[in-house]
PDB file of all heavy atoms in Angstrom:
ATOM      1  N   GLU A   1      19.638 -13.591 -11.296  1.00  0.00           N
ATOM      2  CA  GLU A   1      18.952 -12.444 -10.660  1.00  0.00           C
ATOM      3  C   GLU A   1      17.565 -12.255 -11.239  1.00  0.00           C
ATOM      4  O   GLU A   1      16.616 -11.983 -10.336  1.00  0.00           O
ATOM      5  CB  GLU A   1      19.795 -11.258 -11.026  1.00  0.00           C
ATOM      6  CG  GLU A   1      19.192  -9.956 -10.348  1.00  0.00           C
ATOM      7  CD  GLU A   1      20.134  -8.739 -10.488  1.00  0.00           C
ATOM      8  OE1 GLU A   1      21.285  -8.892 -10.549  1.00  0.00           O
ATOM      9  OE2 GLU A   1      19.543  -7.617 -10.523  1.00  0.00           O
ATOM     10  N   LYS A   2      17.419 -12.557 -12.446  1.00  0.00           N
ATOM     11  CA  LYS A   2      15.967 -12.561 -12.976  1.00  0.00           C
ATOM     12  C   LYS A   2      15.107 -13.614 -12.353  1.00  0.00           C
ATOM     13  O   LYS A   2      13.989 -13.343 -12.041  1.00  0.00           O
ATOM     14  CB  LYS A   2      16.010 -12.805 -14.482  1.00  0.00           C
ATOM     15  CG  LYS A   2      14.657 -12.787 -15.170  1.00  0.00           C
ATOM     16  CD  LYS A   2      13.918 -11.435 -15.125  1.00  0.00           C
ATOM     17  CE  LYS A   2      12.781 -11.333 -16.093  1.00  0.00           C
ATOM     18  NZ  LYS A   2      11.778 -12.468 -15.875  1.00  0.00           N
ATOM     19  N   ARG A   3      15.679 -14.771 -12.156  1.00  0.00           N
ATOM     20  CA  ARG A   3      14.986 -15.862 -11.486  1.00  0.00           C
ATOM     21  C   ARG A   3      14.618 -15.561 -10.015  1.00  0.00           C
ATOM     22  O   ARG A   3      13.543 -15.818  -9.561  1.00  0.00           O
ATOM     23  CB  ARG A   3      15.709 -17.188 -11.539  1.00  0.00           C
ATOM     24  CG  ARG A   3      15.831 -17.779 -12.970  1.00  0.00           C
ATOM     25  CD  ARG A   3      16.888 -18.879 -12.959  1.00  0.00           C
ATOM     26  NE  ARG A   3      17.079 -19.389 -14.389  1.00  0.00           N
ATOM     27  CZ  ARG A   3      17.988 -20.265 -14.627  1.00  0.00           C
ATOM     28  NH1 ARG A   3      18.967 -20.713 -13.733  1.00  0.00           N
ATOM     29  NH2 ARG A   3      18.103 -20.697 -15.930  1.00  0.00           N
ATOM     30  N   PHE A   4      15.585 -14.841  -9.379  1.00  0.00           N
ATOM     31  CA  PHE A   4      15.357 -14.364  -8.059  1.00  0.00           C
ATOM     32  C   PHE A   4      14.211 -13.458  -7.983  1.00  0.00           C
ATOM     33  O   PHE A   4      13.321 -13.506  -7.053  1.00  0.00           O
ATOM     34  CB  PHE A   4      16.708 -13.720  -7.611  1.00  0.00           C
ATOM     35  CG  PHE A   4      16.669 -13.143  -6.144  1.00  0.00           C
ATOM     36  CD1 PHE A   4      16.950 -14.064  -5.046  1.00  0.00           C
ATOM     37  CD2 PHE A   4      16.428 -11.803  -5.952  1.00  0.00           C
ATOM     38  CE1 PHE A   4      16.838 -13.561  -3.734  1.00  0.00           C
ATOM     39  CE2 PHE A   4      16.341 -11.368  -4.620  1.00  0.00           C
ATOM     40  CZ  PHE A   4      16.651 -12.204  -3.545  1.00  0.00           C
ATOM     41  N   GLU A   5      14.154 -12.440  -8.830  1.00  0.00           N
ATOM     42  CA  GLU A   5      13.090 -11.444  -8.893  1.00  0.00           C
ATOM     43  C   GLU A   5      11.789 -12.180  -9.211  1.00  0.00           C
ATOM     44  O   GLU A   5      10.758 -11.892  -8.550  1.00  0.00           O
ATOM     45  CB  GLU A   5      13.401 -10.467  -9.956  1.00  0.00           C
ATOM     46  CG  GLU A   5      14.566  -9.630  -9.574  1.00  0.00           C
ATOM     47  CD  GLU A   5      14.875  -8.608 -10.819  1.00  0.00           C
ATOM     48  OE1 GLU A   5      14.177  -8.666 -11.834  1.00  0.00           O
ATOM     49  OE2 GLU A   5      15.822  -7.819 -10.623  1.00  0.00           O
ATOM     50  N   ASP A   6      11.772 -13.053 -10.152  1.00  0.00           N
ATOM     51  CA  ASP A   6      10.538 -13.833 -10.491  1.00  0.00           C
ATOM     52  C   ASP A   6       9.996 -14.648  -9.279  1.00  0.00           C
ATOM     53  O   ASP A   6       8.814 -14.837  -9.095  1.00  0.00           O
ATOM     54  CB  ASP A   6      10.773 -14.714 -11.677  1.00  0.00           C
ATOM     55  CG  ASP A   6      10.948 -13.979 -13.080  1.00  0.00           C
ATOM     56  OD1 ASP A   6      10.556 -12.715 -13.053  1.00  0.00           O
ATOM     57  OD2 ASP A   6      11.478 -14.554 -14.002  1.00  0.00           O
ATOM     58  N   SER A   7      10.987 -15.141  -8.497  1.00  0.00           N
ATOM     59  CA  SER A   7      10.579 -16.144  -7.400  1.00  0.00           C
ATOM     60  C   SER A   7       9.805 -15.275  -6.348  1.00  0.00           C
ATOM     61  O   SER A   7       8.937 -15.680  -5.775  1.00  0.00           O
ATOM     62  CB  SER A   7      11.831 -16.695  -6.895  1.00  0.00           C
ATOM     63  OG  SER A   7      12.417 -17.682  -7.747  1.00  0.00           O
ATOM     64  N   ILE A   8      10.388 -14.044  -6.103  1.00  0.00           N
ATOM     65  CA  ILE A   8       9.776 -13.151  -5.103  1.00  0.00           C
ATOM     66  C   ILE A   8       8.290 -12.726  -5.542  1.00  0.00           C
ATOM     67  O   ILE A   8       7.377 -12.692  -4.814  1.00  0.00           O
ATOM     68  CB  ILE A   8      10.654 -11.976  -4.851  1.00  0.00           C
ATOM     69  CG1 ILE A   8      11.884 -12.311  -4.064  1.00  0.00           C
ATOM     70  CG2 ILE A   8       9.936 -10.948  -4.025  1.00  0.00           C
ATOM     71  CD1 ILE A   8      12.893 -11.264  -3.768  1.00  0.00           C
ATOM     72  N   LYS A   9       8.280 -12.364  -6.852  1.00  0.00           N
ATOM     73  CA  LYS A   9       6.987 -11.955  -7.441  1.00  0.00           C
ATOM     74  C   LYS A   9       5.990 -13.142  -7.269  1.00  0.00           C
ATOM     75  O   LYS A   9       4.770 -12.970  -7.047  1.00  0.00           O
ATOM     76  CB  LYS A   9       7.133 -11.583  -8.787  1.00  0.00           C
ATOM     77  CG  LYS A   9       7.867 -10.271  -9.021  1.00  0.00           C
ATOM     78  CD  LYS A   9       8.096  -9.885 -10.429  1.00  0.00           C
ATOM     79  CE  LYS A   9       8.800  -8.602 -10.567  1.00  0.00           C
ATOM     80  NZ  LYS A   9       9.170  -8.302 -12.044  1.00  0.00           N
ATOM     81  N   TRP A  10       6.401 -14.373  -7.516  1.00  0.00           N
ATOM     82  CA  TRP A  10       5.578 -15.529  -7.438  1.00  0.00           C
ATOM     83  C   TRP A  10       5.050 -15.674  -5.975  1.00  0.00           C
ATOM     84  O   TRP A  10       3.862 -16.012  -5.845  1.00  0.00           O
ATOM     85  CB  TRP A  10       6.265 -16.825  -7.899  1.00  0.00           C
ATOM     86  CG  TRP A  10       5.520 -18.043  -7.858  1.00  0.00           C
ATOM     87  CD1 TRP A  10       4.665 -18.588  -8.826  1.00  0.00           C
ATOM     88  CD2 TRP A  10       5.511 -19.041  -6.826  1.00  0.00           C
ATOM     89  NE1 TRP A  10       4.090 -19.624  -8.468  1.00  0.00           N
ATOM     90  CE2 TRP A  10       4.569 -20.050  -7.209  1.00  0.00           C
ATOM     91  CE3 TRP A  10       6.135 -19.131  -5.586  1.00  0.00           C
ATOM     92  CZ2 TRP A  10       4.238 -21.225  -6.398  1.00  0.00           C
ATOM     93  CZ3 TRP A  10       5.846 -20.181  -4.770  1.00  0.00           C
ATOM     94  CH2 TRP A  10       4.950 -21.212  -5.231  1.00  0.00           C
ATOM     95  N   LEU A  11       5.976 -15.650  -5.069  1.00  0.00           N
ATOM     96  CA  LEU A  11       5.484 -15.796  -3.680  1.00  0.00           C
ATOM     97  C   LEU A  11       4.528 -14.740  -3.231  1.00  0.00           C
ATOM     98  O   LEU A  11       3.525 -14.889  -2.507  1.00  0.00           O
ATOM     99  CB  LEU A  11       6.715 -15.672  -2.787  1.00  0.00           C
ATOM    100  CG  LEU A  11       7.662 -16.867  -2.742  1.00  0.00           C
ATOM    101  CD1 LEU A  11       9.004 -16.595  -2.034  1.00  0.00           C
ATOM    102  CD2 LEU A  11       6.957 -18.106  -2.195  1.00  0.00           C
ATOM    103  N   VAL A  12       4.671 -13.501  -3.748  1.00  0.00           N
ATOM    104  CA  VAL A  12       3.820 -12.381  -3.312  1.00  0.00           C
ATOM    105  C   VAL A  12       2.515 -12.398  -4.147  1.00  0.00           C
ATOM    106  O   VAL A  12       1.477 -12.329  -3.548  1.00  0.00           O
ATOM    107  CB  VAL A  12       4.490 -11.011  -3.624  1.00  0.00           C
ATOM    108  CG1 VAL A  12       3.473  -9.900  -3.321  1.00  0.00           C
ATOM    109  CG2 VAL A  12       5.791 -10.830  -2.796  1.00  0.00           C
ATOM    110  N   GLN A  13       2.568 -12.601  -5.438  1.00  0.00           N
ATOM    111  CA  GLN A  13       1.366 -12.562  -6.237  1.00  0.00           C
ATOM    112  C   GLN A  13       0.493 -13.805  -6.219  1.00  0.00           C
ATOM    113  O   GLN A  13      -0.730 -13.820  -6.201  1.00  0.00           O
ATOM    114  CB  GLN A  13       1.774 -12.219  -7.652  1.00  0.00           C
ATOM    115  CG  GLN A  13       2.431 -10.856  -7.787  1.00  0.00           C
ATOM    116  CD  GLN A  13       2.962 -10.657  -9.196  1.00  0.00           C
ATOM    117  OE1 GLN A  13       2.813 -11.366 -10.061  1.00  0.00           O
ATOM    118  NE2 GLN A  13       3.687  -9.462  -9.376  1.00  0.00           N
ATOM    119  N   GLU A  14       1.198 -15.011  -6.247  1.00  0.00           N
ATOM    120  CA  GLU A  14       0.509 -16.296  -6.289  1.00  0.00           C
ATOM    121  C   GLU A  14       0.144 -16.771  -4.965  1.00  0.00           C
ATOM    122  O   GLU A  14      -0.944 -17.297  -4.639  1.00  0.00           O
ATOM    123  CB  GLU A  14       1.298 -17.307  -7.042  1.00  0.00           C
ATOM    124  CG  GLU A  14       1.657 -16.991  -8.536  1.00  0.00           C
ATOM    125  CD  GLU A  14       0.336 -16.794  -9.350  1.00  0.00           C
ATOM    126  OE1 GLU A  14      -0.625 -17.583  -9.105  1.00  0.00           O
ATOM    127  OE2 GLU A  14       0.293 -15.929 -10.252  1.00  0.00           O
ATOM    128  N   LYS A  15       1.044 -16.660  -3.991  1.00  0.00           N
ATOM    129  CA  LYS A  15       0.891 -17.300  -2.642  1.00  0.00           C
ATOM    130  C   LYS A  15       0.471 -16.296  -1.558  1.00  0.00           C
ATOM    131  O   LYS A  15       0.115 -16.690  -0.515  1.00  0.00           O
ATOM    132  CB  LYS A  15       2.199 -18.078  -2.180  1.00  0.00           C
ATOM    133  CG  LYS A  15       2.496 -19.212  -3.102  1.00  0.00           C
ATOM    134  CD  LYS A  15       1.414 -20.257  -3.071  1.00  0.00           C
ATOM    135  CE  LYS A  15       1.744 -21.381  -3.969  1.00  0.00           C
ATOM    136  NZ  LYS A  15       0.500 -22.409  -4.054  1.00  0.00           N
ATOM    137  N   LYS A  16       0.438 -15.008  -2.014  1.00  0.00           N
ATOM    138  CA  LYS A  16      -0.018 -13.986  -1.042  1.00  0.00           C
ATOM    139  C   LYS A  16       0.678 -13.969   0.259  1.00  0.00           C
ATOM    140  O   LYS A  16       0.092 -13.755   1.357  1.00  0.00           O
ATOM    141  CB  LYS A  16      -1.530 -14.101  -0.878  1.00  0.00           C
ATOM    142  CG  LYS A  16      -2.282 -14.313  -2.131  1.00  0.00           C
ATOM    143  CD  LYS A  16      -2.293 -13.219  -3.085  1.00  0.00           C
ATOM    144  CE  LYS A  16      -3.087 -13.271  -4.268  1.00  0.00           C
ATOM    145  NZ  LYS A  16      -2.936 -12.273  -5.274  1.00  0.00           N
ATOM    146  N   VAL A  17       1.950 -14.159   0.218  1.00  0.00           N
ATOM    147  CA  VAL A  17       2.761 -14.209   1.556  1.00  0.00           C
ATOM    148  C   VAL A  17       2.736 -12.717   2.095  1.00  0.00           C
ATOM    149  O   VAL A  17       2.716 -11.848   1.322  1.00  0.00           O
ATOM    150  CB  VAL A  17       4.228 -14.836   1.389  1.00  0.00           C
ATOM    151  CG1 VAL A  17       4.030 -16.223   0.825  1.00  0.00           C
ATOM    152  CG2 VAL A  17       5.013 -13.920   0.434  1.00  0.00           C
ATOM    153  N   LYS A  18       2.994 -12.670   3.426  1.00  0.00           N
ATOM    154  CA  LYS A  18       3.058 -11.383   4.047  1.00  0.00           C
ATOM    155  C   LYS A  18       4.512 -11.046   4.492  1.00  0.00           C
ATOM    156  O   LYS A  18       4.660  -9.974   5.030  1.00  0.00           O
ATOM    157  CB  LYS A  18       2.122 -11.418   5.324  1.00  0.00           C
ATOM    158  CG  LYS A  18       0.654 -11.610   4.934  1.00  0.00           C
ATOM    159  CD  LYS A  18       0.162 -10.467   4.044  1.00  0.00           C
ATOM    160  CE  LYS A  18      -1.312 -10.566   3.935  1.00  0.00           C
ATOM    161  NZ  LYS A  18      -1.805  -9.558   2.927  1.00  0.00           N
ATOM    162  N   GLY A  19       5.403 -11.878   4.224  1.00  0.00           N
ATOM    163  CA  GLY A  19       6.812 -11.630   4.516  1.00  0.00           C
ATOM    164  C   GLY A  19       7.684 -12.608   3.777  1.00  0.00           C
ATOM    165  O   GLY A  19       7.310 -13.678   3.552  1.00  0.00           O
ATOM    166  N   ILE A  20       8.916 -12.129   3.487  1.00  0.00           N
ATOM    167  CA  ILE A  20       9.873 -13.029   2.698  1.00  0.00           C
ATOM    168  C   ILE A  20      11.199 -13.091   3.432  1.00  0.00           C
ATOM    169  O   ILE A  20      11.816 -12.005   3.881  1.00  0.00           O
ATOM    170  CB  ILE A  20      10.096 -12.500   1.273  1.00  0.00           C
ATOM    171  CG1 ILE A  20       8.726 -12.730   0.526  1.00  0.00           C
ATOM    172  CG2 ILE A  20      11.148 -13.127   0.636  1.00  0.00           C
ATOM    173  CD1 ILE A  20       8.802 -12.137  -0.909  1.00  0.00           C
ATOM    174  N   THR A  21      11.723 -14.331   3.534  1.00  0.00           N
ATOM    175  CA  THR A  21      13.068 -14.478   4.101  1.00  0.00           C
ATOM    176  C   THR A  21      13.829 -15.361   3.149  1.00  0.00           C
ATOM    177  O   THR A  21      13.301 -15.762   2.139  1.00  0.00           O
ATOM    178  CB  THR A  21      12.946 -15.032   5.515  1.00  0.00           C
ATOM    179  OG1 THR A  21      14.325 -15.023   6.131  1.00  0.00           O
ATOM    180  CG2 THR A  21      12.459 -16.417   5.543  1.00  0.00           C
ATOM    181  N   GLY A  22      14.997 -15.829   3.564  1.00  0.00           N
ATOM    182  CA  GLY A  22      15.829 -16.728   2.695  1.00  0.00           C
ATOM    183  C   GLY A  22      16.405 -17.865   3.521  1.00  0.00           C
ATOM    184  O   GLY A  22      16.493 -17.629   4.788  1.00  0.00           O
ATOM    185  N   ASP A  23      16.825 -18.967   2.947  1.00  0.00           N
ATOM    186  CA  ASP A  23      17.357 -20.059   3.646  1.00  0.00           C
ATOM    187  C   ASP A  23      18.913 -19.988   3.786  1.00  0.00           C
ATOM    188  O   ASP A  23      19.558 -21.010   4.089  1.00  0.00           O
ATOM    189  CB  ASP A  23      16.881 -21.375   3.125  1.00  0.00           C
ATOM    190  CG  ASP A  23      17.493 -21.726   1.774  1.00  0.00           C
ATOM    191  OD1 ASP A  23      18.102 -20.840   1.180  1.00  0.00           O
ATOM    192  OD2 ASP A  23      17.348 -22.914   1.425  1.00  0.00           O
ATOM    193  N   CYS A  24      19.475 -18.782   3.636  1.00  0.00           N
ATOM    194  CA  CYS A  24      20.928 -18.571   3.732  1.00  0.00           C
ATOM    195  C   CYS A  24      21.130 -17.184   4.276  1.00  0.00           C
ATOM    196  O   CYS A  24      20.623 -16.187   3.690  1.00  0.00           O
ATOM    197  CB  CYS A  24      21.610 -18.714   2.340  1.00  0.00           C
ATOM    198  SG  CYS A  24      23.391 -18.299   2.340  1.00  0.00           S
ATOM    199  N   GLY A  25      21.879 -17.125   5.421  1.00  0.00           N
ATOM    200  CA  GLY A  25      22.108 -15.748   6.034  1.00  0.00           C
ATOM    201  C   GLY A  25      22.704 -14.807   5.117  1.00  0.00           C
ATOM    202  O   GLY A  25      22.547 -13.655   5.203  1.00  0.00           O
ATOM    203  N   PHE A  26      23.601 -15.237   4.107  1.00  0.00           N
ATOM    204  CA  PHE A  26      24.303 -14.404   3.232  1.00  0.00           C
ATOM    205  C   PHE A  26      23.371 -13.804   2.269  1.00  0.00           C
ATOM    206  O   PHE A  26      23.739 -12.953   1.425  1.00  0.00           O
ATOM    207  CB  PHE A  26      25.413 -15.138   2.484  1.00  0.00           C
ATOM    208  CG  PHE A  26      26.636 -15.514   3.373  1.00  0.00           C
ATOM    209  CD1 PHE A  26      26.963 -16.789   3.632  1.00  0.00           C
ATOM    210  CD2 PHE A  26      27.299 -14.511   3.968  1.00  0.00           C
ATOM    211  CE1 PHE A  26      28.025 -17.096   4.511  1.00  0.00           C
ATOM    212  CE2 PHE A  26      28.389 -14.634   4.772  1.00  0.00           C
ATOM    213  CZ  PHE A  26      28.721 -16.069   5.038  1.00  0.00           C
ATOM    214  N   MET A  27      22.154 -14.245   2.144  1.00  0.00           N
ATOM    215  CA  MET A  27      21.115 -13.519   1.305  1.00  0.00           C
ATOM    216  C   MET A  27      20.854 -12.120   1.794  1.00  0.00           C
ATOM    217  O   MET A  27      20.175 -11.341   1.045  1.00  0.00           O
ATOM    218  CB  MET A  27      19.832 -14.329   1.264  1.00  0.00           C
ATOM    219  CG  MET A  27      19.885 -15.559   0.384  1.00  0.00           C
ATOM    220  SD  MET A  27      18.179 -16.223  -0.020  1.00  0.00           S
ATOM    221  CE  MET A  27      18.697 -17.857  -0.449  1.00  0.00           C
ATOM    222  N   MET A  28      21.443 -11.763   2.939  1.00  0.00           N
ATOM    223  CA  MET A  28      21.391 -10.354   3.365  1.00  0.00           C
ATOM    224  C   MET A  28      22.025  -9.509   2.325  1.00  0.00           C
ATOM    225  O   MET A  28      21.669  -8.324   2.252  1.00  0.00           O
ATOM    226  CB  MET A  28      22.170 -10.268   4.635  1.00  0.00           C
ATOM    227  CG  MET A  28      22.299  -8.980   5.323  1.00  0.00           C
ATOM    228  SD  MET A  28      20.688  -8.512   6.123  1.00  0.00           S
ATOM    229  CE  MET A  28      21.227  -7.173   7.057  1.00  0.00           C
ATOM    230  N   ASN A  29      22.861  -9.996   1.546  1.00  0.00           N
ATOM    231  CA  ASN A  29      23.481  -9.196   0.450  1.00  0.00           C
ATOM    232  C   ASN A  29      22.439  -8.823  -0.665  1.00  0.00           C
ATOM    233  O   ASN A  29      22.756  -7.875  -1.322  1.00  0.00           O
ATOM    234  CB  ASN A  29      24.596 -10.051  -0.222  1.00  0.00           C
ATOM    235  CG  ASN A  29      25.927 -10.154   0.617  1.00  0.00           C
ATOM    236  OD1 ASN A  29      26.384  -9.080   1.086  1.00  0.00           O
ATOM    237  ND2 ASN A  29      26.385 -11.305   0.769  1.00  0.00           N
ATOM    238  N   PHE A  30      21.359  -9.585  -0.704  1.00  0.00           N
ATOM    239  CA  PHE A  30      20.346  -9.272  -1.598  1.00  0.00           C
ATOM    240  C   PHE A  30      19.057  -8.619  -1.017  1.00  0.00           C
ATOM    241  O   PHE A  30      18.044  -8.602  -1.571  1.00  0.00           O
ATOM    242  CB  PHE A  30      19.952 -10.464  -2.442  1.00  0.00           C
ATOM    243  CG  PHE A  30      21.117 -11.258  -2.953  1.00  0.00           C
ATOM    244  CD1 PHE A  30      21.344 -12.649  -2.783  1.00  0.00           C
ATOM    245  CD2 PHE A  30      22.123 -10.545  -3.649  1.00  0.00           C
ATOM    246  CE1 PHE A  30      22.351 -13.295  -3.286  1.00  0.00           C
ATOM    247  CE2 PHE A  30      23.218 -11.230  -4.168  1.00  0.00           C
ATOM    248  CZ  PHE A  30      23.367 -12.616  -4.071  1.00  0.00           C
TER     249      PHE A  30
END
């Protein structure tokens, strides 16, 4: 979960993405 949070922060802060999705439909749980 900590790695999940860090990954999202990296995408937002480092790559400046404007939207986030996942490569598994069950990530809807998160």
